[in-house]
Amino acid sequence: MVPEQNRMYIAIDLKSFYVSVECVERGLDLFQVNLVMTDPTRSVSTICLAITPAMKQLGVKNRCRIHEIPPDVKYITAMP
Protein backbone atom coordinates (compact mmCIF):
# COMPACT_ATOMS: atom_id res chain seq x y z
CA MET A 1 0.00 0.00 0.00
CA VAL A 2 1.22 3.50 -0.86
CA PRO A 3 1.85 5.75 2.14
CA GLU A 4 -0.72 8.56 2.46
CA GLN A 5 1.83 11.36 1.90
CA ASN A 6 2.87 9.89 -1.49
CA ARG A 7 -0.58 9.78 -3.02
CA MET A 8 -1.68 12.17 -5.74
CA TYR A 9 -5.24 12.91 -6.76
CA ILE A 10 -6.32 14.37 -10.09
CA ALA A 11 -9.66 16.00 -10.86
CA ILE A 12 -10.77 16.18 -14.50
CA ASP A 13 -13.60 18.36 -15.75
CA LEU A 14 -15.15 15.83 -18.11
CA LYS A 15 -17.44 18.46 -19.63
CA SER A 16 -14.37 20.20 -21.09
CA PHE A 17 -12.06 17.19 -21.38
CA TYR A 18 -13.09 16.07 -24.85
CA VAL A 19 -12.99 19.56 -26.36
CA SER A 20 -9.63 20.07 -24.66
CA VAL A 21 -8.23 16.98 -26.36
CA GLU A 22 -9.71 18.06 -29.70
CA CYS A 23 -8.12 21.50 -29.36
CA VAL A 24 -4.71 20.00 -28.53
CA GLU A 25 -4.91 17.71 -31.56
CA ARG A 26 -5.79 20.68 -33.79
CA GLY A 27 -3.20 22.99 -32.22
CA LEU A 28 -5.89 25.37 -30.92
CA ASP A 29 -6.15 27.29 -27.64
CA LEU A 30 -9.38 26.17 -25.95
CA PHE A 31 -9.55 29.50 -24.12
CA GLN A 32 -9.54 31.41 -27.42
CA VAL A 33 -11.43 29.20 -29.90
CA ASN A 34 -15.16 28.48 -30.05
CA LEU A 35 -15.39 24.72 -30.52
CA VAL A 36 -18.47 22.56 -30.04
CA MET A 37 -18.45 18.77 -29.66
CA THR A 38 -21.57 17.77 -31.60
CA ASP A 39 -22.82 16.07 -34.75
CA PRO A 40 -24.30 18.89 -36.88
CA THR A 41 -25.45 16.42 -39.56
CA ARG A 42 -28.26 15.14 -37.34
CA SER A 43 -30.39 18.26 -36.86
CA VAL A 44 -30.35 21.75 -35.38
CA SER A 45 -31.77 20.21 -32.21
CA THR A 46 -28.74 17.98 -31.70
CA ILE A 47 -27.24 18.35 -28.25
CA CYS A 48 -23.79 19.86 -27.81
CA LEU A 49 -21.91 17.32 -25.73
CA ALA A 50 -19.22 19.82 -24.73
CA ILE A 51 -18.10 23.36 -25.48
CA THR A 52 -14.83 25.20 -24.90
CA PRO A 53 -14.37 27.61 -22.00
CA ALA A 54 -14.20 30.40 -24.61
CA MET A 55 -17.83 29.68 -25.50
CA LYS A 56 -18.82 29.50 -21.85
CA GLN A 57 -17.37 33.01 -21.46
CA LEU A 58 -19.81 34.13 -24.16
CA GLY A 59 -22.73 32.82 -22.12
CA VAL A 60 -23.33 29.63 -24.11
CA LYS A 61 -24.46 26.82 -21.81
CA ASN A 62 -22.85 23.41 -21.86
CA ARG A 63 -25.23 20.67 -23.07
CA CYS A 64 -27.25 23.17 -25.11
CA ARG A 65 -28.81 22.40 -28.48
CA ILE A 66 -27.15 23.68 -31.65
CA HIS A 67 -30.07 26.04 -32.31
CA GLU A 68 -29.59 27.58 -28.84
CA ILE A 69 -26.16 28.95 -29.74
CA PRO A 70 -26.64 32.65 -30.55
CA PRO A 71 -26.40 33.29 -34.30
CA ASP A 72 -23.66 35.89 -33.82
CA VAL A 73 -21.34 33.33 -32.15
CA LYS A 74 -19.07 31.77 -34.78
CA TYR A 75 -17.81 28.30 -33.89
CA ILE A 76 -16.28 25.14 -35.29
CA THR A 77 -17.53 21.63 -34.61
CA ALA A 78 -15.88 18.37 -33.72
CA MET A 79 -17.59 15.02 -34.10
CA PRO A 80 -18.05 13.09 -30.86
C-alpha atoms as a PDB file:
ATOM      1  CA  MET A   1       0.000   0.000   0.000  1.00  0.00           C
ATOM      2  CA  VAL A   2       1.222   3.499  -0.855  1.00  0.00           C
ATOM      3  CA  PRO A   3       1.855   5.753   2.144  1.00  0.00           C
ATOM      4  CA  GLU A   4      -0.716   8.560   2.457  1.00  0.00           C
ATOM      5  CA  GLN A   5       1.833  11.363   1.895  1.00  0.00           C
ATOM      6  CA  ASN A   6       2.865   9.885  -1.492  1.00  0.00           C
ATOM      7  CA  ARG A   7      -0.584   9.776  -3.018  1.00  0.00           C
ATOM      8  CA  MET A   8      -1.679  12.169  -5.736  1.00  0.00           C
ATOM      9  CA  TYR A   9      -5.237  12.906  -6.764  1.00  0.00           C
ATOM     10  CA  ILE A  10      -6.322  14.370 -10.085  1.00  0.00           C
ATOM     11  CA  ALA A  11      -9.658  16.001 -10.862  1.00  0.00           C
ATOM     12  CA  ILE A  12     -10.772  16.177 -14.501  1.00  0.00           C
ATOM     13  CA  ASP A  13     -13.600  18.356 -15.750  1.00  0.00           C
ATOM     14  CA  LEU A  14     -15.149  15.833 -18.113  1.00  0.00           C
ATOM     15  CA  LYS A  15     -17.442  18.462 -19.631  1.00  0.00           C
ATOM     16  CA  SER A  16     -14.375  20.196 -21.086  1.00  0.00           C
ATOM     17  CA  PHE A  17     -12.059  17.192 -21.383  1.00  0.00           C
ATOM     18  CA  TYR A  18     -13.087  16.068 -24.849  1.00  0.00           C
ATOM     19  CA  VAL A  19     -12.992  19.557 -26.365  1.00  0.00           C
ATOM     20  CA  SER A  20      -9.627  20.070 -24.659  1.00  0.00           C
ATOM     21  CA  VAL A  21      -8.229  16.976 -26.362  1.00  0.00           C
ATOM     22  CA  GLU A  22      -9.706  18.063 -29.696  1.00  0.00           C
ATOM     23  CA  CYS A  23      -8.118  21.504 -29.357  1.00  0.00           C
ATOM     24  CA  VAL A  24      -4.709  20.000 -28.525  1.00  0.00           C
ATOM     25  CA  GLU A  25      -4.914  17.706 -31.558  1.00  0.00           C
ATOM     26  CA  ARG A  26      -5.793  20.685 -33.788  1.00  0.00           C
ATOM     27  CA  GLY A  27      -3.203  22.991 -32.220  1.00  0.00           C
ATOM     28  CA  LEU A  28      -5.889  25.369 -30.922  1.00  0.00           C
ATOM     29  CA  ASP A  29      -6.152  27.286 -27.640  1.00  0.00           C
ATOM     30  CA  LEU A  30      -9.376  26.171 -25.953  1.00  0.00           C
ATOM     31  CA  PHE A  31      -9.552  29.499 -24.118  1.00  0.00           C
ATOM     32  CA  GLN A  32      -9.538  31.407 -27.419  1.00  0.00           C
ATOM     33  CA  VAL A  33     -11.434  29.201 -29.897  1.00  0.00           C
ATOM     34  CA  ASN A  34     -15.156  28.475 -30.051  1.00  0.00           C
ATOM     35  CA  LEU A  35     -15.385  24.723 -30.516  1.00  0.00           C
ATOM     36  CA  VAL A  36     -18.469  22.559 -30.035  1.00  0.00           C
ATOM     37  CA  MET A  37     -18.449  18.771 -29.664  1.00  0.00           C
ATOM     38  CA  THR A  38     -21.569  17.766 -31.599  1.00  0.00           C
ATOM     39  CA  ASP A  39     -22.824  16.073 -34.750  1.00  0.00           C
ATOM     40  CA  PRO A  40     -24.300  18.885 -36.878  1.00  0.00           C
ATOM     41  CA  THR A  41     -25.446  16.420 -39.559  1.00  0.00           C
ATOM     42  CA  ARG A  42     -28.256  15.139 -37.338  1.00  0.00           C
ATOM     43  CA  SER A  43     -30.388  18.255 -36.858  1.00  0.00           C
ATOM     44  CA  VAL A  44     -30.346  21.747 -35.378  1.00  0.00           C
ATOM     45  CA  SER A  45     -31.771  20.212 -32.206  1.00  0.00           C
ATOM     46  CA  THR A  46     -28.742  17.977 -31.702  1.00  0.00           C
ATOM     47  CA  ILE A  47     -27.241  18.347 -28.250  1.00  0.00           C
ATOM     48  CA  CYS A  48     -23.787  19.856 -27.814  1.00  0.00           C
ATOM     49  CA  LEU A  49     -21.908  17.319 -25.729  1.00  0.00           C
ATOM     50  CA  ALA A  50     -19.222  19.821 -24.730  1.00  0.00           C
ATOM     51  CA  ILE A  51     -18.100  23.365 -25.483  1.00  0.00           C
ATOM     52  CA  THR A  52     -14.835  25.204 -24.905  1.00  0.00           C
ATOM     53  CA  PRO A  53     -14.369  27.612 -21.995  1.00  0.00           C
ATOM     54  CA  ALA A  54     -14.200  30.399 -24.610  1.00  0.00           C
ATOM     55  CA  MET A  55     -17.829  29.680 -25.504  1.00  0.00           C
ATOM     56  CA  LYS A  56     -18.816  29.498 -21.847  1.00  0.00           C
ATOM     57  CA  GLN A  57     -17.373  33.007 -21.459  1.00  0.00           C
ATOM     58  CA  LEU A  58     -19.807  34.133 -24.162  1.00  0.00           C
ATOM     59  CA  GLY A  59     -22.733  32.815 -22.117  1.00  0.00           C
ATOM     60  CA  VAL A  60     -23.331  29.625 -24.106  1.00  0.00           C
ATOM     61  CA  LYS A  61     -24.461  26.825 -21.812  1.00  0.00           C
ATOM     62  CA  ASN A  62     -22.852  23.410 -21.860  1.00  0.00           C
ATOM     63  CA  ARG A  63     -25.227  20.674 -23.067  1.00  0.00           C
ATOM     64  CA  CYS A  64     -27.246  23.170 -25.107  1.00  0.00           C
ATOM     65  CA  ARG A  65     -28.810  22.401 -28.480  1.00  0.00           C
ATOM     66  CA  ILE A  66     -27.155  23.685 -31.650  1.00  0.00           C
ATOM     67  CA  HIS A  67     -30.067  26.040 -32.309  1.00  0.00           C
ATOM     68  CA  GLU A  68     -29.591  27.577 -28.842  1.00  0.00           C
ATOM     69  CA  ILE A  69     -26.160  28.947 -29.743  1.00  0.00           C
ATOM     70  CA  PRO A  70     -26.636  32.648 -30.546  1.00  0.00           C
ATOM     71  CA  PRO A  71     -26.396  33.292 -34.301  1.00  0.00           C
ATOM     72  CA  ASP A  72     -23.656  35.888 -33.817  1.00  0.00           C
ATOM     73  CA  VAL A  73     -21.342  33.326 -32.152  1.00  0.00           C
ATOM     74  CA  LYS A  74     -19.073  31.773 -34.784  1.00  0.00           C
ATOM     75  CA  TYR A  75     -17.810  28.301 -33.891  1.00  0.00           C
ATOM     76  CA  ILE A  76     -16.281  25.140 -35.289  1.00  0.00           C
ATOM     77  CA  THR A  77     -17.527  21.631 -34.609  1.00  0.00           C
ATOM     78  CA  ALA A  78     -15.881  18.367 -33.720  1.00  0.00           C
ATOM     79  CA  MET A  79     -17.593  15.022 -34.103  1.00  0.00           C
ATOM     80  CA  PRO A  80     -18.053  13.088 -30.862  1.00  0.00           C
END
